[in-house]
Amino acid sequence: MTQAAHTQHATIHGHVTYTPGDGAPIVIPEGPVELITSPDSTTLSWSVEDDIVGSAAIPKDQYNQYVRDGKIRLTKH
């Protein structure tokens, strides 16, 4: 049985990056993000400006390390 994607909210605290394709790492700005987790990755979405949204998918292992390091802090509801 496969797990369904699951949406959460969190806050970025510290240096969090993602690497698009073979490019250089790009910094995800500090502040609130929406997370959509799946079995192999987590997609982060954030507001850059009023009408501009950023989005990045990072591997599950990298996401878990950011959470352990306190750089991604899940929002308790």
Protein backbone atom coordinates (compact mmCIF):
# COMPACT_ATOMS: atom_id res chain seq x y z
CA MET A 1 0.00 0.00 0.00
CA THR A 2 1.40 3.44 -0.91
CA GLN A 3 1.24 6.48 1.33
CA ALA A 4 -0.73 9.50 0.16
CA ALA A 5 0.91 12.91 0.03
CA HIS A 6 0.45 14.85 3.24
CA THR A 7 0.41 18.66 3.72
CA GLN A 8 1.97 20.42 6.73
CA HIS A 9 3.15 23.90 7.65
CA ALA A 10 6.60 24.82 8.92
CA THR A 11 9.05 27.67 9.29
CA ILE A 12 12.53 27.85 7.80
CA HIS A 13 15.16 28.84 10.40
CA GLY A 14 18.68 28.95 9.03
CA HIS A 15 20.46 27.93 5.84
CA VAL A 16 18.21 25.58 3.81
CA THR A 17 18.93 24.94 0.14
CA TYR A 18 17.74 22.89 -2.79
CA THR A 19 19.59 21.96 -5.96
CA PRO A 20 17.62 22.18 -9.21
CA GLY A 21 18.84 19.51 -11.61
CA ASP A 22 22.61 19.79 -12.00
CA GLY A 23 22.63 23.46 -10.99
CA ALA A 24 24.09 25.26 -8.00
CA PRO A 25 22.26 25.11 -4.64
CA ILE A 26 19.60 27.81 -4.18
CA VAL A 27 18.69 29.18 -0.73
CA ILE A 28 15.11 28.87 0.49
CA PRO A 29 14.30 32.10 2.38
CA GLU A 30 13.65 32.03 6.12
CA GLY A 31 9.98 32.21 7.07
CA PRO A 32 6.79 30.18 6.67
CA VAL A 33 6.54 27.33 4.16
CA GLU A 34 3.95 24.75 3.19
CA LEU A 35 5.21 21.18 3.00
CA ILE A 36 3.82 18.36 0.92
CA THR A 37 5.47 15.11 1.93
CA SER A 38 5.56 11.94 -0.11
CA PRO A 39 7.44 8.69 0.53
CA ASP A 40 10.61 9.80 -1.30
CA SER A 41 10.65 13.63 -1.14
CA THR A 42 9.20 16.77 0.38
CA THR A 43 8.01 19.76 -1.65
CA LEU A 44 8.36 23.16 0.01
CA SER A 45 6.33 26.19 -1.15
CA TRP A 46 6.78 29.78 0.03
CA SER A 47 5.80 33.34 -0.90
CA VAL A 48 8.56 35.47 -2.41
CA GLU A 49 6.40 38.54 -3.08
CA ASP A 50 2.65 39.22 -3.22
CA ASP A 51 2.05 37.33 -6.47
CA ILE A 52 5.23 35.21 -6.63
CA VAL A 53 5.53 31.77 -5.05
CA GLY A 54 8.68 29.65 -4.79
CA SER A 55 8.64 25.87 -4.80
CA ALA A 56 11.28 23.16 -4.43
CA ALA A 57 11.37 19.40 -3.95
CA ILE A 58 14.12 17.99 -1.74
CA PRO A 59 14.98 14.34 -1.07
CA LYS A 60 13.51 12.78 2.07
CA ASP A 61 16.96 12.27 3.68
CA GLN A 62 17.92 15.93 3.18
CA TYR A 63 14.54 17.10 4.55
CA ASN A 64 14.89 14.86 7.63
CA GLN A 65 18.39 16.25 8.28
CA TYR A 66 17.09 19.85 8.12
CA VAL A 67 14.34 18.93 10.63
CA ARG A 68 16.86 17.23 12.97
CA ASP A 69 19.13 20.31 12.74
CA GLY A 70 16.21 22.64 13.60
CA LYS A 71 16.44 24.44 10.24
CA ILE A 72 12.90 23.34 9.32
CA ARG A 73 10.55 23.58 12.28
CA LEU A 74 7.13 22.03 11.91
CA THR A 75 4.17 24.13 13.03
CA LYS A 76 2.07 22.53 15.73
CA HIS A 77 -1.70 22.82 15.26
